[in-house]
């Protein structure tokens, strides 16, 4: 729902251990739940872009938070609850906190599956090479084109 700050120079990034994160996450969920007056189902993430997202459920709220919010002071926890309750001004508090802790946000992309260029009818690598040679004199470098699943 709101995005991570642009990566920059920052302190070394470290993930909390599972043993450390679980009780802290449970406590954070309890605090947000108490402020909202609703059950909160919290999931910690290590996302690069979306640091806070939520979805209202029949039995409460599903809240996905970047692990950097485990360190959140009371004012930020209140802002989380207000944000989930619909107070868009609370976003500023959350963004300020995330910018101050941007060193905990992963900068690099996780390695994914190898890019699949060959499809049923076309090999996109060959199409790319042909278009690059024809229209750009081979100057288009570092661009990879591949097939993906159809969006749901």
C-alpha atoms as a PDB file:
ATOM      1  CA  UNK A   1       0.000   0.000   0.000  1.00  0.00           C
ATOM      2  CA  UNK A   2       2.922   2.310   0.451  1.00  0.00           C
ATOM      3  CA  UNK A   3       6.275   1.856  -1.120  1.00  0.00           C
ATOM      4  CA  UNK A   4       9.792   1.524   0.145  1.00  0.00           C
ATOM      5  CA  UNK A   5      12.248   4.397  -0.015  1.00  0.00           C
ATOM      6  CA  UNK A   6      14.736   4.394  -2.841  1.00  0.00           C
ATOM      7  CA  UNK A   7      17.787   2.376  -1.853  1.00  0.00           C
ATOM      8  CA  UNK A   8      20.792   4.337  -0.717  1.00  0.00           C
ATOM      9  CA  UNK A   9      23.815   3.921   1.469  1.00  0.00           C
ATOM     10  CA  UNK A  10      22.793   2.560   4.821  1.00  0.00           C
ATOM     11  CA  UNK A  11      23.797   0.432   7.741  1.00  0.00           C
ATOM     12  CA  UNK A  12      24.244  -3.292   7.244  1.00  0.00           C
ATOM     13  CA  UNK A  13      20.968  -5.126   6.758  1.00  0.00           C
ATOM     14  CA  UNK A  14      20.157  -8.155   8.833  1.00  0.00           C
ATOM     15  CA  UNK A  15      17.062 -10.280   9.146  1.00  0.00           C
ATOM     16  CA  UNK A  16      15.811 -11.085  12.623  1.00  0.00           C
ATOM     17  CA  UNK A  17      16.035 -14.760  13.539  1.00  0.00           C
ATOM     18  CA  UNK A  18      12.776 -16.688  13.560  1.00  0.00           C
ATOM     19  CA  UNK A  19      13.090 -17.239  17.316  1.00  0.00           C
ATOM     20  CA  UNK A  20      13.459 -13.487  17.829  1.00  0.00           C
ATOM     21  CA  UNK A  21      10.861 -12.396  15.261  1.00  0.00           C
ATOM     22  CA  UNK A  22       7.924 -14.618  16.256  1.00  0.00           C
ATOM     23  CA  UNK A  23       7.309 -13.278  19.772  1.00  0.00           C
ATOM     24  CA  UNK A  24       7.942  -9.706  18.618  1.00  0.00           C
ATOM     25  CA  UNK A  25       5.505 -10.155  15.722  1.00  0.00           C
ATOM     26  CA  UNK A  26       2.877 -11.601  18.070  1.00  0.00           C
ATOM     27  CA  UNK A  27       3.289  -8.627  20.395  1.00  0.00           C
ATOM     28  CA  UNK A  28       3.074  -6.173  17.489  1.00  0.00           C
ATOM     29  CA  UNK A  29      -0.110  -7.874  16.232  1.00  0.00           C
ATOM     30  CA  UNK A  30      -1.583  -7.704  19.737  1.00  0.00           C
ATOM     31  CA  UNK A  31      -0.796  -3.972  20.001  1.00  0.00           C
ATOM     32  CA  UNK A  32      -2.298  -3.138  16.597  1.00  0.00           C
ATOM     33  CA  UNK A  33      -5.309  -5.343  17.353  1.00  0.00           C
ATOM     34  CA  UNK A  34      -5.916  -3.536  20.644  1.00  0.00           C
ATOM     35  CA  UNK A  35      -5.810  -0.170  18.877  1.00  0.00           C
ATOM     36  CA  UNK A  36      -8.133  -1.297  16.073  1.00  0.00           C
ATOM     37  CA  UNK A  37     -10.491  -3.332  18.220  1.00  0.00           C
ATOM     38  CA  UNK A  38     -10.224  -6.119  15.624  1.00  0.00           C
ATOM     39  CA  UNK A  39      -8.238  -9.346  15.388  1.00  0.00           C
ATOM     40  CA  UNK A  40      -5.042  -8.835  13.376  1.00  0.00           C
ATOM     41  CA  UNK A  41      -3.449 -11.667  11.396  1.00  0.00           C
ATOM     42  CA  UNK A  42       0.136 -10.478  10.932  1.00  0.00           C
ATOM     43  CA  UNK A  43       2.619 -11.772   8.386  1.00  0.00           C
ATOM     44  CA  UNK A  44       6.176 -10.448   8.275  1.00  0.00           C
ATOM     45  CA  UNK A  45       7.775  -9.867   4.889  1.00  0.00           C
ATOM     46  CA  UNK A  46      11.171  -9.034   3.451  1.00  0.00           C
ATOM     47  CA  UNK A  47       9.764  -7.203   0.431  1.00  0.00           C
ATOM     48  CA  UNK A  48      11.795  -4.663  -1.498  1.00  0.00           C
ATOM     49  CA  UNK A  49       8.915  -2.408  -2.484  1.00  0.00           C
ATOM     50  CA  UNK A  50       5.652  -2.767  -0.578  1.00  0.00           C
ATOM     51  CA  UNK A  51       6.382  -2.486   3.124  1.00  0.00           C
ATOM     52  CA  UNK A  52       2.812  -2.310   4.450  1.00  0.00           C
ATOM     53  CA  UNK A  53      -0.326  -3.842   3.006  1.00  0.00           C
ATOM     54  CA  UNK A  54      -3.565  -4.981   4.544  1.00  0.00           C
ATOM     55  CA  UNK A  55      -6.850  -6.579   3.672  1.00  0.00           C
ATOM     56  CA  UNK A  56     -10.042  -6.525   5.668  1.00  0.00           C
ATOM     57  CA  UNK A  57     -11.417  -9.975   6.410  1.00  0.00           C
ATOM     58  CA  UNK A  58     -14.698 -11.181   7.858  1.00  0.00           C
ATOM     59  CA  UNK A  59     -12.858 -11.974  11.095  1.00  0.00           C
ATOM     60  CA  UNK A  60     -10.494  -8.981  11.302  1.00  0.00           C
ATOM     61  CA  UNK A  61      -7.571  -7.693   9.275  1.00  0.00           C
ATOM     62  CA  UNK A  62      -4.735  -9.444   7.452  1.00  0.00           C
ATOM     63  CA  UNK A  63      -1.696  -7.184   7.842  1.00  0.00           C
ATOM     64  CA  UNK A  64       1.533  -7.751   5.927  1.00  0.00           C
ATOM     65  CA  UNK A  65       4.469  -5.776   7.298  1.00  0.00           C
ATOM     66  CA  UNK A  66       8.134  -5.591   6.478  1.00  0.00           C
ATOM     67  CA  UNK A  67      10.208  -6.913   9.363  1.00  0.00           C
ATOM     68  CA  UNK A  68      11.639  -3.418   9.960  1.00  0.00           C
ATOM     69  CA  UNK A  69       8.361  -2.596  11.745  1.00  0.00           C
ATOM     70  CA  UNK A  70       9.312  -4.992  14.548  1.00  0.00           C
ATOM     71  CA  UNK A  71      11.417  -2.078  15.822  1.00  0.00           C
ATOM     72  CA  UNK A  72       8.525   0.391  15.628  1.00  0.00           C
ATOM     73  CA  UNK A  73       7.944   2.722  18.575  1.00  0.00           C
ATOM     74  CA  UNK A  74       4.435   3.351  19.926  1.00  0.00           C
ATOM     75  CA  UNK A  75       3.865   6.343  17.632  1.00  0.00           C
ATOM     76  CA  UNK A  76       4.482   4.191  14.542  1.00  0.00           C
ATOM     77  CA  UNK A  77       2.322   1.342  15.865  1.00  0.00           C
ATOM     78  CA  UNK A  78      -0.480   3.888  16.368  1.00  0.00           C
ATOM     79  CA  UNK A  79       0.088   5.131  12.807  1.00  0.00           C
ATOM     80  CA  UNK A  80      -0.167   1.529  11.528  1.00  0.00           C
ATOM     81  CA  UNK A  81      -3.533   1.129  13.240  1.00  0.00           C
ATOM     82  CA  UNK A  82      -4.740   4.499  11.957  1.00  0.00           C
ATOM     83  CA  UNK A  83      -3.583   3.661   8.429  1.00  0.00           C
ATOM     84  CA  UNK A  84      -5.489   0.366   8.471  1.00  0.00           C
ATOM     85  CA  UNK A  85      -8.516   2.239   9.849  1.00  0.00           C
ATOM     86  CA  UNK A  86      -8.413   4.545   6.812  1.00  0.00           C
ATOM     87  CA  UNK A  87      -6.470   7.575   8.049  1.00  0.00           C
ATOM     88  CA  UNK A  88      -4.333   8.455   5.032  1.00  0.00           C
ATOM     89  CA  UNK A  89      -2.375  11.059   7.017  1.00  0.00           C
ATOM     90  CA  UNK A  90      -0.855   8.192   9.034  1.00  0.00           C
ATOM     91  CA  UNK A  91       1.008   7.201   5.878  1.00  0.00           C
ATOM     92  CA  UNK A  92       3.444  10.080   6.423  1.00  0.00           C
ATOM     93  CA  UNK A  93       4.501   8.644   9.794  1.00  0.00           C
ATOM     94  CA  UNK A  94       4.975   5.192   8.245  1.00  0.00           C
ATOM     95  CA  UNK A  95       6.985   6.585   5.339  1.00  0.00           C
ATOM     96  CA  UNK A  96       9.207   8.630   7.662  1.00  0.00           C
ATOM     97  CA  UNK A  97       9.885   5.530   9.756  1.00  0.00           C
ATOM     98  CA  UNK A  98      10.656   3.404   6.692  1.00  0.00           C
ATOM     99  CA  UNK A  99      13.001   6.061   5.298  1.00  0.00           C
ATOM    100  CA  UNK A 100      14.831   6.220   8.624  1.00  0.00           C
ATOM    101  CA  UNK A 101      15.243   2.418   8.547  1.00  0.00           C
ATOM    102  CA  UNK A 102      15.779   1.917   4.809  1.00  0.00           C
ATOM    103  CA  UNK A 103      19.001   0.027   5.505  1.00  0.00           C
ATOM    104  CA  UNK A 104      16.852  -2.954   6.526  1.00  0.00           C
ATOM    105  CA  UNK A 105      15.176  -3.089   3.105  1.00  0.00           C
ATOM    106  CA  UNK A 106      16.706  -5.574   0.691  1.00  0.00           C
ATOM    107  CA  UNK A 107      18.209  -3.770  -2.309  1.00  0.00           C
ATOM    108  CA  UNK A 108      18.959  -6.648  -4.621  1.00  0.00           C
ATOM    109  CA  UNK A 109      16.384  -8.745  -6.376  1.00  0.00           C
ATOM    110  CA  UNK A 110      16.253 -12.393  -5.365  1.00  0.00           C
ATOM    111  CA  UNK A 111      17.373 -14.692  -8.124  1.00  0.00           C
ATOM    112  CA  UNK A 112      14.358 -16.021  -9.942  1.00  0.00           C
ATOM    113  CA  UNK A 113      13.749 -18.760 -12.425  1.00  0.00           C
ATOM    114  CA  UNK A 114      15.798 -18.516 -15.600  1.00  0.00           C
ATOM    115  CA  UNK A 115      14.145 -16.392 -18.264  1.00  0.00           C
ATOM    116  CA  UNK A 116      12.226 -18.483 -20.790  1.00  0.00           C
ATOM    117  CA  UNK A 117      12.672 -17.003 -24.285  1.00  0.00           C
ATOM    118  CA  UNK A 118      11.407 -19.886 -26.426  1.00  0.00           C
ATOM    119  CA  UNK A 119       7.641 -20.107 -26.779  1.00  0.00           C
ATOM    120  CA  UNK A 120       5.313 -22.280 -28.854  1.00  0.00           C
ATOM    121  CA  UNK A 121       5.563 -19.991 -31.890  1.00  0.00           C
ATOM    122  CA  UNK A 122       8.384 -17.521 -31.280  1.00  0.00           C
ATOM    123  CA  UNK A 123      11.821 -17.413 -29.723  1.00  0.00           C
ATOM    124  CA  UNK A 124      11.827 -13.931 -28.209  1.00  0.00           C
ATOM    125  CA  UNK A 125      15.619 -13.899 -27.957  1.00  0.00           C
ATOM    126  CA  UNK A 126      15.838 -14.284 -31.745  1.00  0.00           C
ATOM    127  CA  UNK A 127      13.093 -11.683 -32.290  1.00  0.00           C
ATOM    128  CA  UNK A 128      14.934  -9.254 -30.001  1.00  0.00           C
ATOM    129  CA  UNK A 129      18.242  -9.843 -31.800  1.00  0.00           C
ATOM    130  CA  UNK A 130      16.627  -9.300 -35.205  1.00  0.00           C
ATOM    131  CA  UNK A 131      14.858  -6.072 -34.155  1.00  0.00           C
ATOM    132  CA  UNK A 132      18.002  -4.770 -32.443  1.00  0.00           C
ATOM    133  CA  UNK A 133      20.100  -5.397 -35.545  1.00  0.00           C
ATOM    134  CA  UNK A 134      17.495  -3.975 -37.938  1.00  0.00           C
ATOM    135  CA  UNK A 135      16.468  -0.824 -36.080  1.00  0.00           C
ATOM    136  CA  UNK A 136      19.170  -0.082 -33.505  1.00  0.00           C
ATOM    137  CA  UNK A 137      22.424  -1.279 -35.105  1.00  0.00           C
ATOM    138  CA  UNK A 138      22.962  -3.694 -32.208  1.00  0.00           C
ATOM    139  CA  UNK A 139      23.032  -0.918 -29.571  1.00  0.00           C
ATOM    140  CA  UNK A 140      20.288  -2.326 -27.317  1.00  0.00           C
ATOM    141  CA  UNK A 141      22.265  -4.071 -24.581  1.00  0.00           C
ATOM    142  CA  UNK A 142      21.211  -5.527 -21.255  1.00  0.00           C
ATOM    143  CA  UNK A 143      17.569  -6.024 -22.237  1.00  0.00           C
ATOM    144  CA  UNK A 144      16.146  -9.483 -21.715  1.00  0.00           C
ATOM    145  CA  UNK A 145      12.769 -10.469 -23.108  1.00  0.00           C
ATOM    146  CA  UNK A 146      10.933 -13.590 -22.045  1.00  0.00           C
ATOM    147  CA  UNK A 147       7.616 -15.307 -21.674  1.00  0.00           C
ATOM    148  CA  UNK A 148       5.587 -15.191 -18.472  1.00  0.00           C
ATOM    149  CA  UNK A 149       2.353 -16.655 -17.201  1.00  0.00           C
ATOM    150  CA  UNK A 150      -0.853 -14.939 -18.178  1.00  0.00           C
ATOM    151  CA  UNK A 151      -2.015 -12.623 -15.360  1.00  0.00           C
ATOM    152  CA  UNK A 152      -4.956 -13.886 -13.338  1.00  0.00           C
END
